[in-house]
């Protein structure tokens, strides 16, 4: 094995110019995508995408496989050219169909799920790899800062094979942060970690980015992770942004049936417009803004539903799933509509039990569009 190299052998760093150095007081958007389109033959991987990212914002990009998430990161990074639209980084145009700034000049940090650390370099030299052109003292100082930031100062002389999965992830993040990028792009950064470690490392990475005040776009296929990470969540479908809102809004106030179903367990019921107040078989929908679209349905999530055992009840339990602290009950209502209800593990009822289904007090069905 190659012996660890001392700090005197670290590559020199390039001190960012004032124009490159992130300004913690800046108010310009970190990233603006205006009508960005990218096609591969007849397939629109990105289709008229519009996004504006705040100067210190963390955006989670979530959607099914093939929806265009990773393509968007590659276009923003400059690894792919947009076919149409405009991309700005910190107020500077980097792609508008005529100008395309190369990736190395965009001051973007990239982190992938594979980590892609150099196995023959120590932690310190991996972090310093993207830095060149300044004195050894500057290099040593910056590497020390980053090691402290990612919480690994005692591991500076270890090699990647001597690290845990979580430690390798933090080294990869540190290497991307070392040149002081104006934007971080993370593509499924936690996918290779086991479930127990994943949440811990995710929280660590978010804390590191917030401490560095570095805006970031996370790509993930995990809805829970998207809501835990993002200040806002962008839900993608077939190359388009279906909804861009806060985590609370995409979960509790989805704009379409697709978003509602993708972001969590959901059941849907027809809306009865025959009465003076729009309702479902669970009761009135409550105060609504404006008219209900003709293609709308009512959504309830399992935590919205409850029931009481009743021999003359309007619903029947058709399935029971034990989830540790809770049971998830599948109920078939009188109309044949199927909904789910989450109850404490202390509440147990068998399949076939007649129950009276109802909404939890304070909860109500949400109206969503169902264009398909």
Protein backbone atom coordinates (compact mmCIF):
# COMPACT_ATOMS: atom_id res chain seq x y z
CA UNK A 1 0.00 0.00 0.00
CA UNK A 2 1.18 3.53 -0.75
CA UNK A 3 2.20 5.38 2.40
CA UNK A 4 -0.02 8.32 3.43
CA UNK A 5 1.23 11.63 2.13
CA UNK A 6 1.76 14.57 4.42
CA UNK A 7 0.03 17.92 4.08
CA UNK A 8 3.13 19.23 2.32
CA UNK A 9 2.27 16.98 -0.62
CA UNK A 10 -1.33 18.12 -0.99
CA UNK A 11 -2.17 19.68 -4.34
CA UNK A 12 -2.34 23.45 -4.27
CA UNK A 13 -5.74 25.10 -4.34
CA UNK A 14 -7.10 27.80 -6.53
CA UNK A 15 -8.41 30.61 -4.39
CA UNK A 16 -11.77 31.61 -5.89
CA UNK A 17 -11.90 35.09 -7.34
CA UNK A 18 -14.37 37.56 -5.78
CA UNK A 19 -16.71 36.90 -8.72
CA UNK A 20 -16.59 33.17 -8.09
CA UNK A 21 -16.75 33.18 -4.31
CA UNK A 22 -20.29 32.65 -2.96
CA UNK A 23 -21.64 35.75 -1.25
CA UNK A 24 -23.60 34.81 1.89
CA UNK A 25 -25.59 38.04 1.59
CA UNK A 26 -26.57 37.56 -2.04
CA UNK A 27 -30.24 37.64 -2.91
CA UNK A 28 -30.10 36.64 -6.59
CA UNK A 29 -31.53 33.18 -7.29
CA UNK A 30 -28.91 30.46 -7.17
CA UNK A 31 -30.44 28.77 -10.22
CA UNK A 32 -33.07 29.75 -12.78
CA UNK A 33 -34.41 27.41 -15.46
CA UNK A 34 -36.69 29.13 -17.96
CA UNK A 35 -38.45 26.90 -20.48
CA UNK A 36 -35.61 24.37 -20.53
CA UNK A 37 -36.14 21.48 -22.95
CA UNK A 38 -33.96 18.48 -23.74
CA UNK A 39 -34.90 15.82 -26.26
CA UNK A 40 -33.43 12.44 -27.13
CA UNK A 41 -34.93 11.67 -30.51
CA UNK A 42 -38.71 11.73 -30.13
CA UNK A 43 -38.54 11.62 -26.32
CA UNK A 44 -38.71 14.88 -24.36
CA UNK A 45 -36.56 14.15 -21.29
CA UNK A 46 -37.15 17.75 -20.18
CA UNK A 47 -40.22 19.57 -21.47
CA UNK A 48 -40.47 23.33 -20.86
CA UNK A 49 -39.11 23.20 -17.30
CA UNK A 50 -39.29 26.33 -15.12
CA UNK A 51 -37.54 26.43 -11.72
CA UNK A 52 -36.14 29.21 -9.55
CA UNK A 53 -33.90 28.23 -6.62
CA UNK A 54 -33.29 30.64 -3.75
CA UNK A 55 -29.73 31.68 -2.81
CA UNK A 56 -29.48 29.21 0.10
CA UNK A 57 -32.35 26.87 -0.73
CA UNK A 58 -32.33 23.07 -0.78
CA UNK A 59 -34.60 21.69 -3.49
CA UNK A 60 -35.60 18.02 -3.62
CA UNK A 61 -36.34 16.70 -7.11
CA UNK A 62 -38.49 13.57 -7.01
CA UNK A 63 -40.36 11.47 -9.52
CA UNK A 64 -40.61 7.99 -11.05
CA UNK A 65 -37.74 6.42 -12.98
CA UNK A 66 -37.29 7.98 -16.41
CA UNK A 67 -39.09 11.22 -15.59
CA UNK A 68 -36.02 13.40 -16.33
CA UNK A 69 -34.52 14.03 -12.88
CA UNK A 70 -30.93 13.04 -13.68
CA UNK A 71 -31.14 14.65 -17.12
CA UNK A 72 -32.00 17.93 -15.45
CA UNK A 73 -28.90 17.73 -13.24
CA UNK A 74 -26.68 16.98 -16.25
CA UNK A 75 -28.11 19.91 -18.20
CA UNK A 76 -27.62 22.27 -15.24
CA UNK A 77 -24.06 21.00 -14.75
CA UNK A 78 -23.27 21.50 -18.43
CA UNK A 79 -22.67 17.81 -19.12
CA UNK A 80 -25.55 18.03 -21.62
CA UNK A 81 -26.63 21.06 -23.67
CA UNK A 82 -30.24 22.20 -23.47
CA UNK A 83 -32.15 22.15 -26.76
CA UNK A 84 -34.20 25.18 -25.78
CA UNK A 85 -34.64 27.57 -22.89
CA UNK A 86 -32.31 29.48 -20.61
CA UNK A 87 -30.23 28.52 -17.55
CA UNK A 88 -28.80 31.06 -15.10
CA UNK A 89 -26.47 30.42 -12.17
CA UNK A 90 -26.29 33.21 -9.60
CA UNK A 91 -27.60 35.68 -12.15
CA UNK A 92 -25.16 34.63 -14.89
CA UNK A 93 -26.42 32.97 -18.07
CA UNK A 94 -24.65 29.64 -18.67
CA UNK A 95 -26.86 28.17 -21.42
CA UNK A 96 -29.30 29.96 -23.68
CA UNK A 97 -29.04 28.08 -26.97
CA UNK A 98 -26.18 30.25 -28.21
CA UNK A 99 -23.86 30.39 -25.20
CA UNK A 100 -22.93 27.21 -23.32
CA UNK A 101 -20.47 27.66 -20.47
CA UNK A 102 -18.41 24.46 -20.01
CA UNK A 103 -18.90 22.41 -16.82
CA UNK A 104 -15.53 23.34 -15.29
CA UNK A 105 -16.44 27.04 -15.37
CA UNK A 106 -19.88 26.72 -13.77
CA UNK A 107 -18.61 26.41 -10.16
CA UNK A 108 -20.96 23.49 -9.49
CA UNK A 109 -20.26 20.64 -7.08
CA UNK A 110 -21.45 17.16 -8.05
CA UNK A 111 -22.11 14.19 -5.75
CA UNK A 112 -23.30 10.82 -7.03
CA UNK A 113 -24.44 7.68 -5.20
CA UNK A 114 -21.27 5.80 -6.20
CA UNK A 115 -19.10 8.35 -4.31
CA UNK A 116 -16.36 7.92 -7.02
CA UNK A 117 -13.50 8.42 -4.58
CA UNK A 118 -9.98 7.69 -5.78
CA UNK A 119 -8.94 4.47 -4.00
CA UNK A 120 -5.21 5.29 -4.13
CA UNK A 121 -5.63 8.72 -2.46
CA UNK A 122 -6.11 9.49 1.22
CA UNK A 123 -9.18 11.33 2.49
CA UNK A 124 -7.22 14.60 2.53
CA UNK A 125 -5.95 14.16 -1.01
CA UNK A 126 -9.38 13.14 -2.27
CA UNK A 127 -10.83 16.36 -0.86
CA UNK A 128 -7.97 18.40 -2.32
CA UNK A 129 -8.16 16.77 -5.76
CA UNK A 130 -10.31 19.49 -7.34
CA UNK A 131 -8.12 22.32 -6.06
CA UNK A 132 -5.10 23.58 -7.91
CA UNK A 133 -3.02 26.68 -8.44
CA UNK A 134 -2.37 28.13 -4.97
CA UNK A 135 0.18 27.59 -2.22
CA UNK A 136 0.47 24.44 -0.11
CA UNK A 137 -0.48 26.49 2.91
CA UNK A 138 -3.73 27.55 1.26
CA UNK A 139 -4.42 23.96 0.25
CA UNK A 140 -3.70 22.66 3.75
CA UNK A 141 -5.94 25.31 5.30
CA UNK A 142 -8.88 24.65 2.97
CA UNK A 143 -8.66 20.86 3.37
CA UNK A 144 -8.59 21.34 7.14
CA UNK A 145 -11.69 23.55 6.97
CA UNK A 146 -13.57 21.00 4.90
CA UNK A 147 -12.57 18.07 7.10
CA UNK A 148 -13.94 19.97 10.11
CA UNK A 149 -17.10 20.84 8.17
CA UNK A 150 -17.84 17.22 7.29
CA UNK A 151 -16.76 15.95 10.73
CA UNK A 152 -13.80 13.81 9.64
CA UNK A 153 -10.60 15.58 10.76
CA UNK A 154 -9.24 12.42 12.41
CA UNK A 155 -9.61 10.39 9.19
CA UNK A 156 -7.52 12.60 6.92
CA UNK A 157 -4.84 9.94 6.29
CA UNK A 158 -7.13 6.97 5.74
CA UNK A 159 -7.94 5.46 2.36
CA UNK A 160 -11.49 4.95 1.00
CA UNK A 161 -11.46 1.18 1.66
CA UNK A 162 -10.81 1.92 5.34
CA UNK A 163 -14.00 4.02 5.64
CA UNK A 164 -17.63 3.14 6.27
CA UNK A 165 -20.28 3.92 3.66
CA UNK A 166 -21.38 7.01 5.55
CA UNK A 167 -17.80 8.26 5.90
CA UNK A 168 -17.20 7.80 2.17
CA UNK A 169 -20.36 9.80 1.47
CA UNK A 170 -19.12 12.67 3.64
CA UNK A 171 -15.72 12.62 1.94
CA UNK A 172 -17.43 12.83 -1.46
CA UNK A 173 -19.45 15.78 -0.21
CA UNK A 174 -16.33 17.43 1.19
CA UNK A 175 -14.49 17.05 -2.11
CA UNK A 176 -17.39 18.72 -3.92
CA UNK A 177 -17.55 21.56 -1.37
CA UNK A 178 -13.79 22.21 -1.30
CA UNK A 179 -13.71 24.58 -4.34
CA UNK A 180 -16.54 26.62 -2.77
CA UNK A 181 -19.18 25.88 -5.41
CA UNK A 182 -22.06 28.26 -5.98
CA UNK A 183 -24.43 25.29 -6.32
CA UNK A 184 -24.42 21.61 -5.33
CA UNK A 185 -26.09 18.89 -7.38
CA UNK A 186 -26.63 15.54 -5.66
CA UNK A 187 -27.91 12.59 -7.69
CA UNK A 188 -29.37 9.82 -5.47
CA UNK A 189 -26.56 10.47 -2.94
CA UNK A 190 -27.88 8.08 -0.29
CA UNK A 191 -29.12 5.22 -2.49
CA UNK A 192 -26.17 2.94 -1.73
CA UNK A 193 -26.57 3.22 2.06
CA UNK A 194 -28.56 0.78 4.17
CA UNK A 195 -31.84 1.99 5.65
CA UNK A 196 -30.53 2.46 9.21
CA UNK A 197 -27.59 4.60 8.09
CA UNK A 198 -29.42 6.47 5.37
CA UNK A 199 -31.46 8.80 7.59
CA UNK A 200 -28.45 9.66 9.75
CA UNK A 201 -26.20 10.51 6.80
CA UNK A 202 -29.01 12.41 5.10
CA UNK A 203 -29.42 14.61 8.17
CA UNK A 204 -25.63 15.08 8.37
CA UNK A 205 -25.40 16.13 4.71
CA UNK A 206 -28.28 18.60 5.03
CA UNK A 207 -26.68 20.10 8.16
CA UNK A 208 -23.33 20.44 6.34
CA UNK A 209 -24.92 22.21 3.36
CA UNK A 210 -26.81 24.57 5.63
CA UNK A 211 -23.67 25.33 7.61
CA UNK A 212 -21.86 26.12 4.35
CA UNK A 213 -24.91 28.11 3.14
CA UNK A 214 -24.62 26.30 -0.17
CA UNK A 215 -27.78 25.92 -2.27
CA UNK A 216 -28.41 22.43 -3.60
CA UNK A 217 -30.63 20.27 -5.75
CA UNK A 218 -31.15 16.69 -4.53
CA UNK A 219 -32.42 14.01 -6.88
CA UNK A 220 -34.18 11.14 -5.16
CA UNK A 221 -36.81 8.53 -5.89
CA UNK A 222 -37.74 8.35 -2.19
CA UNK A 223 -40.75 10.54 -1.36
CA UNK A 224 -40.10 10.57 2.39
CA UNK A 225 -36.51 11.58 1.78
CA UNK A 226 -37.59 14.37 -0.57
CA UNK A 227 -39.87 15.86 2.08
CA UNK A 228 -37.21 15.52 4.79
CA UNK A 229 -34.47 17.18 2.72
CA UNK A 230 -36.11 19.90 0.66
CA UNK A 231 -37.16 23.40 1.60
CA UNK A 232 -39.31 22.80 -1.46
CA UNK A 233 -40.09 19.67 -3.46
CA UNK A 234 -40.37 19.49 -7.24
CA UNK A 235 -42.42 16.50 -8.40
CA UNK A 236 -41.55 15.49 -11.97
CA UNK A 237 -43.53 13.46 -14.47
CA UNK A 238 -42.58 12.76 -18.09
CA UNK A 239 -40.09 15.61 -18.27
CA UNK A 240 -42.32 18.25 -16.70
CA UNK A 241 -42.68 19.73 -13.22
CA UNK A 242 -46.05 18.53 -11.99
CA UNK A 243 -45.89 20.54 -8.74
CA UNK A 244 -43.26 22.72 -7.05
CA UNK A 245 -44.22 23.52 -3.47
CA UNK A 246 -43.25 23.08 0.16
CA UNK A 247 -43.13 19.50 1.49
CA UNK A 248 -46.34 20.15 3.44
CA UNK A 249 -48.16 21.36 0.34
CA UNK A 250 -47.14 18.52 -1.99
CA UNK A 251 -48.31 16.02 0.63
CA UNK A 252 -51.44 17.68 2.02
CA UNK A 253 -52.43 19.91 -0.90
CA UNK A 254 -51.37 18.07 -4.07
CA UNK A 255 -52.50 19.68 -7.30
CA UNK A 256 -53.19 16.42 -9.16
CA UNK A 257 -54.04 12.79 -8.58
CA UNK A 258 -50.57 11.85 -9.82
CA UNK A 259 -48.81 13.98 -7.18
CA UNK A 260 -51.19 12.80 -4.46
CA UNK A 261 -50.56 9.13 -5.23
CA UNK A 262 -46.83 9.49 -5.84
CA UNK A 263 -46.08 11.39 -2.63
CA UNK A 264 -47.76 8.90 -0.31
CA UNK A 265 -50.57 6.42 0.21
CA UNK A 266 -53.82 7.93 -1.00
CA UNK A 267 -57.38 6.89 -1.74
CA UNK A 268 -59.78 8.67 -4.10
CA UNK A 269 -63.53 9.11 -4.07
CA UNK A 270 -66.01 10.62 -6.53
CA UNK A 271 -67.50 14.00 -5.64
CA UNK A 272 -71.28 14.38 -5.40
CA UNK A 273 -72.26 17.74 -6.89
CA UNK A 274 -76.00 17.13 -6.73
CA UNK A 275 -76.42 18.75 -3.32
CA UNK A 276 -76.03 22.40 -2.37
CA UNK A 277 -72.67 21.53 -0.77
CA UNK A 278 -70.21 19.29 -2.63
CA UNK A 279 -69.60 16.10 -0.69
CA UNK A 280 -68.43 12.49 -0.73
CA UNK A 281 -69.94 9.50 1.01
CA UNK A 282 -67.78 10.47 4.01
CA UNK A 283 -69.50 13.85 4.26
CA UNK A 284 -69.21 17.45 3.01
CA UNK A 285 -65.91 18.63 1.56
CA UNK A 286 -66.00 21.80 3.65
CA UNK A 287 -65.04 25.33 2.55
CA UNK A 288 -63.68 25.41 -1.01
CA UNK A 289 -62.13 28.20 -3.04
CA UNK A 290 -63.77 28.61 -6.43
CA UNK A 291 -65.60 26.01 -8.48
CA UNK A 292 -64.71 22.34 -8.43
CA UNK A 293 -63.15 21.27 -11.75
CA UNK A 294 -65.17 18.74 -13.71
CA UNK A 295 -62.26 16.28 -13.60
CA UNK A 296 -61.75 16.56 -9.83
CA UNK A 297 -61.87 13.76 -7.27
CA UNK A 298 -61.56 13.79 -3.47
CA UNK A 299 -58.39 12.43 -1.84
CA UNK A 300 -57.93 11.03 1.66
CA UNK A 301 -54.74 9.66 3.19
CA UNK A 302 -54.66 6.81 5.72
CA UNK A 303 -54.08 9.18 8.63
CA UNK A 304 -57.25 11.07 7.63
CA UNK A 305 -59.39 7.96 8.19
CA UNK A 306 -60.64 6.17 11.27
CA UNK A 307 -63.44 3.74 12.09
CA UNK A 308 -65.39 2.14 14.87
CA UNK A 309 -66.53 -1.47 14.93
CA UNK A 310 -70.29 -1.59 14.31
CA UNK A 311 -72.38 -4.56 13.19
CA UNK A 312 -74.48 -2.28 10.99
CA UNK A 313 -71.53 -0.27 9.73
CA UNK A 314 -71.27 1.11 6.20
CA UNK A 315 -67.83 -0.43 5.53
CA UNK A 316 -65.98 -3.72 5.84
CA UNK A 317 -62.32 -4.44 6.65
CA UNK A 318 -60.85 -6.30 3.68
CA UNK A 319 -57.13 -6.34 4.63
CA UNK A 320 -54.91 -5.69 7.66
CA UNK A 321 -51.21 -4.82 7.49
CA UNK A 322 -49.11 -4.71 10.67
CA UNK A 323 -46.48 -1.94 10.60
CA UNK A 324 -45.03 -2.12 14.10
CA UNK A 325 -46.41 0.94 15.88
CA UNK A 326 -49.54 0.94 13.70
CA UNK A 327 -51.94 -1.20 11.69
CA UNK A 328 -52.99 -0.14 8.21
CA UNK A 329 -56.58 -1.23 7.54
CA UNK A 330 -58.09 -1.45 4.07
CA UNK A 331 -61.80 -0.61 4.15
CA UNK A 332 -64.37 -1.14 1.41
CA UNK A 333 -67.07 1.51 1.72
CA UNK A 334 -70.72 0.98 0.84
CA UNK A 335 -70.20 2.36 -2.67
CA UNK A 336 -67.35 -0.08 -3.30
CA UNK A 337 -64.69 2.62 -2.98
CA UNK A 338 -61.59 1.35 -1.14
CA UNK A 339 -59.80 3.53 1.43
CA UNK A 340 -57.11 2.93 4.03
CA UNK A 341 -57.01 3.86 7.70
CA UNK A 342 -54.04 4.00 10.06
CA UNK A 343 -54.73 2.97 13.65
CA UNK A 344 -52.57 2.36 16.72
CA UNK A 345 -51.15 -1.12 17.27
CA UNK A 346 -53.46 -1.25 20.30
CA UNK A 347 -56.49 -1.26 17.96
CA UNK A 348 -56.90 -4.64 16.31
CA UNK A 349 -59.78 -5.86 14.17
CA UNK A 350 -60.05 -8.86 11.86
CA UNK A 351 -60.69 -9.04 8.14
CA UNK A 352 -64.44 -9.20 7.52
CA UNK A 353 -65.37 -6.97 10.47
CA UNK A 354 -68.15 -4.46 9.77
CA UNK A 355 -67.18 -0.92 10.76
CA UNK A 356 -68.44 2.62 10.54
CA UNK A 357 -65.87 4.64 8.56
CA UNK A 358 -65.34 8.32 9.17
CA UNK A 359 -62.80 11.12 8.83
CA UNK A 360 -60.60 11.91 11.83
CA UNK A 361 -61.87 15.11 13.48
CA UNK A 362 -60.05 18.08 11.96
CA UNK A 363 -59.22 16.17 8.77
CA UNK A 364 -61.08 16.45 5.48
CA UNK A 365 -60.95 15.16 1.96
CA UNK A 366 -58.85 17.25 -0.45
CA UNK A 367 -59.96 18.06 -3.99
CA UNK A 368 -57.40 17.12 -6.65
CA UNK A 369 -57.45 17.16 -10.46
CA UNK A 370 -57.58 13.84 -12.28
CA UNK A 371 -56.97 14.79 -15.93
CA UNK A 372 -56.10 11.23 -16.93
